[in-house]
Protein backbone atom coordinates (compact mmCIF):
# COMPACT_ATOMS: atom_id res chain seq x y z
CA MET A 1 97.93 81.86 76.98
CA LEU A 2 94.14 81.70 77.28
CA LEU A 3 93.16 80.91 80.87
CA TYR A 4 89.37 81.14 80.52
CA ASP A 5 86.81 81.86 77.81
CA GLY A 6 83.18 81.23 78.66
CA ASP A 7 80.00 82.19 80.46
CA ARG A 8 80.27 80.47 83.84
CA ALA A 9 80.77 83.09 86.55
CA GLU A 10 81.96 80.57 89.13
CA SER A 11 84.59 79.10 86.81
CA LEU A 12 85.95 82.51 85.81
CA HIS A 13 85.97 83.61 89.46
CA ASN A 14 88.01 80.58 90.48
CA VAL A 15 90.62 81.05 87.74
CA VAL A 16 91.04 84.76 88.51
CA ALA A 17 91.22 84.12 92.28
CA GLU A 18 93.95 81.54 91.72
CA ARG A 19 96.11 84.11 89.87
CA PHE A 20 95.28 87.19 91.99
CA ALA A 21 93.58 86.95 95.39
CA PRO A 22 90.33 85.78 97.01
CA HIS A 23 87.45 88.04 96.00
CA ARG A 24 83.72 88.27 95.49
CA LEU A 25 82.33 88.39 91.93
CA THR A 26 78.75 89.61 91.41
CA VAL A 27 77.08 89.80 87.99
CA LEU A 28 74.93 92.95 88.15
CA SER A 29 73.03 92.81 84.86
CA GLU A 30 70.77 90.23 83.28
CA GLN A 31 73.25 90.00 80.43
CA ARG A 32 74.96 86.63 80.30
CA LEU A 33 78.61 86.63 81.31
CA ASN A 34 81.05 86.40 78.40
CA GLY A 35 84.38 86.32 80.21
CA ARG A 36 87.85 86.14 78.76
CA PHE A 37 91.04 85.92 80.82
CA ARG A 38 94.47 85.77 79.17
CA SER A 39 97.95 85.43 80.59
CA LEU A 40 100.35 87.56 78.56
CA HIS A 41 103.34 86.84 80.80
CA GLU A 42 103.94 84.99 84.05
CA GLY A 43 107.40 85.40 85.52
CA ARG A 44 108.78 87.32 88.48
CA LEU A 45 105.98 89.75 87.65
CA SER A 46 102.88 88.93 85.62
CA LEU A 47 100.77 90.59 82.94
CA TYR A 48 97.17 89.65 82.11
CA GLU A 49 94.12 90.83 80.16
CA LEU A 50 90.69 90.38 81.72
CA GLY A 51 87.16 91.19 80.59
CA TYR A 52 83.85 89.91 81.95
CA GLY A 53 81.55 90.67 79.03
CA ALA A 54 78.79 91.80 81.42
CA GLU A 55 78.33 94.40 84.13
CA VAL A 56 79.99 93.04 87.26
CA GLN A 57 81.19 94.06 90.69
CA VAL A 58 84.54 92.66 91.86
CA THR A 59 85.47 93.02 95.53
CA PRO A 60 88.86 91.57 96.52
CA GLY A 61 88.89 93.33 99.89
CA GLU A 62 92.39 93.88 101.29
CA LEU A 63 95.19 93.13 98.85
CA PRO A 64 97.92 90.70 99.92
CA ASP A 65 101.63 91.06 99.14
CA PHE A 66 101.53 92.50 95.62
CA TYR A 67 100.88 95.70 93.69
CA ASN A 68 97.98 95.60 91.23
CA ILE A 69 98.20 98.01 88.27
CA GLN A 70 95.19 98.11 85.95
CA VAL A 71 95.31 99.85 82.58
CA PRO A 72 91.94 100.14 80.80
CA VAL A 73 91.92 98.93 77.19
CA SER A 74 88.21 99.41 76.50
CA GLY A 75 84.93 100.02 78.31
CA SER A 76 84.63 101.78 81.64
CA GLY A 77 84.19 101.20 85.34
CA VAL A 78 84.27 102.68 88.82
CA VAL A 79 87.10 101.82 91.20
CA THR A 80 86.95 102.54 94.94
CA LEU A 81 90.18 102.37 96.95
CA ASP A 82 90.13 102.63 100.73
CA GLY A 83 86.70 104.23 100.55
CA ALA A 84 87.59 106.87 97.92
CA VAL A 85 86.37 106.76 94.31
CA LEU A 86 89.32 107.05 91.92
CA PRO A 87 89.32 109.12 88.73
CA PRO A 88 88.99 107.23 85.43
CA GLY A 89 92.11 105.82 83.89
CA PRO A 90 95.02 103.63 84.97
CA TRP A 91 95.28 103.07 88.70
CA LEU A 92 97.45 101.24 91.21
CA ALA A 93 96.72 99.53 94.53
CA GLY A 94 99.16 97.91 96.92
CA PRO A 95 99.43 95.58 99.92
CA GLY A 96 96.95 96.30 102.69
CA GLN A 97 94.70 98.52 100.59
CA ARG A 98 91.03 97.66 100.07
CA ILE A 99 89.51 97.91 96.61
CA SER A 100 86.15 97.44 94.95
CA MET A 101 85.56 97.59 91.18
CA THR A 102 82.46 97.82 89.02
CA TRP A 103 82.95 97.19 85.28
CA ASP A 104 80.56 97.52 82.36
CA GLY A 105 80.15 94.79 79.78
CA ALA A 106 82.65 96.34 77.37
CA ALA A 107 85.43 96.69 79.97
CA LEU A 108 88.75 95.05 79.18
CA ASN A 109 91.75 95.72 81.40
CA ARG A 110 95.45 95.03 81.12
CA ILE A 111 96.61 94.00 84.62
CA LEU A 112 100.20 94.06 85.84
CA ILE A 113 100.94 92.21 89.09
CA ILE A 114 104.21 93.17 90.82
CA PRO A 115 105.09 91.23 94.00
CA ALA A 116 106.05 93.42 96.94
CA ARG A 117 109.34 91.52 97.25
CA LEU A 118 110.46 93.15 93.97
CA VAL A 119 109.50 96.69 94.99
CA GLU A 120 111.17 96.71 98.39
CA PRO A 121 114.77 96.28 97.12
CA ALA A 122 114.12 98.86 94.37
CA VAL A 123 113.25 101.40 97.06
CA GLN A 124 116.12 100.33 99.30
CA ALA A 125 118.57 100.82 96.43
CA ARG A 126 117.67 104.51 96.49
CA SER A 127 118.48 104.92 100.19
CA ASP A 128 121.23 103.95 102.61
CA LYS A 129 118.82 102.14 104.90
CA PRO A 130 115.83 99.81 104.46
CA PRO A 131 112.42 101.49 104.13
CA GLY A 132 110.35 101.46 107.31
CA SER A 133 107.43 99.92 105.44
CA LEU A 134 106.37 98.98 101.95
CA PRO A 135 105.84 102.10 99.85
CA ARG A 136 102.27 103.17 99.22
CA PHE A 137 101.92 104.70 95.78
CA ALA A 138 99.52 107.43 94.72
CA PRO A 139 96.68 105.38 93.18
CA ALA A 140 96.02 107.44 90.05
CA LEU A 141 98.54 106.94 87.24
CA ASP A 142 98.21 110.36 85.63
CA SER A 143 99.24 110.14 81.96
CA ARG A 144 99.53 113.97 81.89
CA ASN A 145 102.74 113.45 83.88
CA PRO A 146 105.42 112.77 81.21
CA ALA A 147 107.27 110.28 83.42
CA VAL A 148 104.08 108.30 84.12
CA ALA A 149 103.08 108.44 80.44
CA THR A 150 106.47 106.99 79.50
CA TRP A 151 106.05 104.21 82.08
CA LEU A 152 102.61 103.29 80.74
CA GLU A 153 104.09 103.16 77.25
CA LEU A 154 106.79 100.87 78.63
CA VAL A 155 104.09 98.44 79.85
CA LEU A 156 102.72 98.29 76.31
CA ARG A 157 106.20 97.69 74.89
CA PHE A 158 106.68 94.90 77.47
CA GLN A 159 103.48 93.24 76.27
CA GLU A 160 104.79 93.34 72.70
CA PHE A 161 108.22 92.05 73.73
CA VAL A 162 106.94 89.00 75.62
CA ALA A 163 104.88 88.01 72.56
CA SER A 164 107.80 88.44 70.15
CA PRO A 165 110.18 85.72 68.93
CA LEU A 166 113.04 87.50 70.71
CA GLY A 167 111.13 87.60 73.98
CA ARG A 168 110.54 83.85 73.79
CA ARG A 169 114.23 83.22 73.06
CA SER A 170 115.70 85.58 75.67
CA PRO A 171 114.70 84.82 79.27
CA LEU A 172 117.60 86.99 80.43
CA GLY A 173 116.24 89.88 78.37
CA LEU A 174 112.79 89.34 79.91
CA GLY A 175 114.32 89.49 83.37
CA HIS A 176 115.99 92.83 82.57
CA PHE A 177 112.68 94.17 81.22
CA GLU A 178 110.88 93.09 84.41
CA ARG A 179 113.43 94.92 86.57
CA LEU A 180 113.13 97.97 84.33
CA LEU A 181 109.36 98.11 84.90
CA VAL A 182 109.81 97.96 88.68
CA ASP A 183 112.64 100.50 88.85
CA THR A 184 110.94 103.02 86.60
CA LEU A 185 107.62 102.69 88.45
CA VAL A 186 109.39 103.61 91.70
CA ASP A 187 110.96 106.62 89.99
CA ALA A 188 107.87 107.77 88.07
CA GLN A 189 104.94 107.39 90.46
CA PRO A 190 104.66 109.50 93.66
CA SER A 191 104.77 107.35 96.78
CA SER A 192 105.29 107.39 100.53
CA TRP A 193 109.03 106.74 100.16
CA CYS A 194 109.62 110.12 98.46
CA ALA A 195 109.87 111.92 101.82
CA GLN A 196 112.56 109.45 102.91
CA ALA A 197 114.43 110.12 99.67
CA LEU A 198 114.29 113.87 100.30
CA ALA A 199 115.73 113.42 103.78
CA HIS A 200 118.50 111.21 102.41
CA GLY A 201 119.40 113.80 99.74
CA LEU A 202 119.52 116.54 102.35
CA ALA A 203 122.19 114.78 104.41
CA ALA A 204 124.85 115.57 101.81
CA ALA A 205 123.50 119.01 100.92
CA PRO A 206 125.45 122.27 101.39
CA SER A 207 124.79 124.43 104.42
CA ALA A 208 122.80 126.99 102.41
CA LEU A 209 120.30 124.33 101.40
CA ARG A 210 120.01 123.07 104.97
CA ARG A 211 119.27 126.63 106.08
CA ALA A 212 116.59 126.89 103.40
CA VAL A 213 114.97 123.62 104.46
CA ALA A 214 114.99 124.64 108.13
CA PHE A 215 113.37 127.95 107.19
CA CYS A 216 110.61 126.13 105.25
CA GLU A 217 109.92 123.84 108.20
CA GLU A 218 109.89 126.68 110.75
CA HIS A 219 107.76 129.07 108.67
CA ALA A 220 105.38 126.65 106.94
CA HIS A 221 102.39 128.36 108.57
CA GLU A 222 103.36 131.74 107.06
CA ALA A 223 103.09 133.27 103.58
CA VAL A 224 106.55 132.47 102.21
CA SER A 225 108.08 133.31 98.82
CA VAL A 226 111.17 132.03 97.02
CA ALA A 227 112.83 135.35 97.83
CA ASP A 228 112.15 134.81 101.55
CA ILE A 229 113.69 131.32 101.44
CA ALA A 230 116.71 132.56 99.49
CA ALA A 231 117.27 135.38 101.97
CA ALA A 232 117.17 132.91 104.88
CA ALA A 233 119.65 130.66 103.06
CA ARG A 234 121.86 133.67 102.23
CA VAL A 235 122.00 132.87 98.50
CA SER A 236 120.35 134.26 95.37
CA PRO A 237 116.99 132.82 94.22
CA GLN A 238 118.75 131.35 91.17
CA SER A 239 121.35 129.58 93.34
CA LEU A 240 118.60 128.39 95.65
CA ARG A 241 116.64 126.82 92.80
CA ALA A 242 119.78 125.16 91.47
CA ALA A 243 120.60 123.68 94.89
CA PHE A 244 117.11 122.27 95.38
CA ARG A 245 117.18 120.73 91.92
CA ALA A 246 120.67 119.26 92.27
CA HIS A 247 120.31 117.79 95.77
CA LEU A 248 116.58 117.16 96.27
CA ASP A 249 115.30 117.00 92.67
CA THR A 250 112.55 119.49 93.41
CA THR A 251 111.93 123.24 93.61
CA PRO A 252 111.86 125.43 96.73
CA LEU A 253 108.10 126.00 96.56
CA ALA A 254 107.38 122.34 95.81
CA PHE A 255 109.44 121.41 98.86
CA LEU A 256 107.56 123.94 100.99
CA ARG A 257 104.28 122.51 99.72
CA ARG A 258 105.40 119.01 100.71
CA VAL A 259 106.31 120.24 104.21
CA ARG A 260 102.85 121.78 104.52
CA LEU A 261 101.18 118.64 103.20
CA ASP A 262 103.03 116.54 105.79
CA LEU A 263 101.86 118.90 108.55
CA ALA A 264 98.28 118.80 107.27
CA HIS A 265 98.48 115.00 107.07
CA HIS A 266 99.67 114.86 110.69
CA ASP A 267 96.78 117.09 111.81
CA LEU A 268 94.19 115.06 109.89
CA ARG A 269 95.47 111.86 111.51
CA SER A 270 95.30 113.52 114.92
CA VAL A 271 91.62 114.35 114.32
CA ALA A 272 90.96 110.80 113.10
CA GLN A 273 92.52 109.42 116.29
CA GLY A 274 90.44 111.74 118.47
CA ARG A 275 93.47 113.68 119.71
CA ALA A 276 92.36 116.94 118.05
CA SER A 277 89.37 118.51 116.36
CA GLY A 278 88.84 120.31 113.08
CA THR A 279 87.63 119.95 109.51
CA VAL A 280 89.52 119.45 106.26
CA THR A 281 88.99 123.12 105.48
CA ASP A 282 90.28 124.23 108.88
CA ILE A 283 93.46 122.21 108.50
CA ALA A 284 94.05 123.16 104.86
CA VAL A 285 93.76 126.87 105.61
CA ARG A 286 95.95 126.51 108.70
CA TRP A 287 98.82 125.32 106.50
CA GLY A 288 98.39 127.86 103.71
CA PHE A 289 96.18 125.97 101.27
CA THR A 290 93.47 128.42 100.27
CA HIS A 291 92.35 126.53 97.14
CA LEU A 292 90.72 123.37 98.50
CA GLY A 293 90.53 121.64 95.12
CA ARG A 294 94.27 121.96 94.54
CA PHE A 295 94.96 120.95 98.14
CA SER A 296 92.90 117.77 97.70
CA ALA A 297 94.62 116.94 94.40
CA HIS A 298 98.15 117.39 95.83
CA TYR A 299 97.17 115.47 98.96
CA ARG A 300 95.79 112.51 96.97
CA ASP A 301 98.91 112.43 94.75
CA THR A 302 101.12 112.32 97.85
CA TYR A 303 99.22 110.02 100.22
CA GLY A 304 97.03 107.97 97.88
CA GLU A 305 93.72 109.07 99.40
CA SER A 306 91.64 112.20 99.85
CA PRO A 307 91.98 114.41 102.95
CA SER A 308 88.44 113.46 103.97
CA ALA A 309 89.34 109.76 103.74
CA THR A 310 92.24 110.34 106.15
CA LEU A 311 89.91 112.20 108.46
CA ARG A 312 87.53 109.21 108.52
CA SER A 313 90.24 106.61 108.97
CA ALA A 314 91.18 104.80 112.14
CA PHE A 315 94.98 104.56 112.37
């Protein structure tokens, strides 16, 4: 359904704000706006296509109670989330996060809006207890990750399904497809709930795995190998890898890296709160990250922002 097609910035702004959230729209170029806003599906979750036809800046500020996933179709832009510039490509922002977007005149985006009330039960279904807060996803949807690439393909298939004769005749089928998008997003995209899931998986783990986890936590500041962890757990490296995969769906070294990231995150927050001092480099090296570029990339994937953004934040 076509929601707007025209050149009046105020009219387009009002229609978009009604569907999404209050925001500020600024036309940056002398080129006349040529906006087009289409609703592809509006149900429990919604799918839209939006292009402005001119260079614009869009500043919603803090997002309300929904997740906003934008998949570029054409053109380009710059997206800033919580003060950090995101890499090009699909991205995701959630409740409480602050975004600003600048799009060129050729930019056209497919936008999926998922209410937080749909995400919360999907997370809770993967744990025995309710999550302490809404999950915060890593903002960059990296299509090099096969799971994420499959999910992005699923969004495209959803667009085709809602436009098909079967989609129009099968509201129950649409509902199943909506739930599939939410469930697979939770499983595919790294988020803050992953640490809770690891802890839940550990509760039923064998004693050897619990010994391995304790060793990782106690020796995170040291140079540790898989052989060291296996020796502490009193199993072979092969058995160790199998246990981590079966119970925690990860590898020993990936788990150790996550422990170190959590410790670095805690230290960065302490500096931000004025309870400690140090730089990003100091903290990264303290927890065994000697390659700062890889540390920053893993940190952003896990916490949805750069280490320097955490250091600047007020918690």
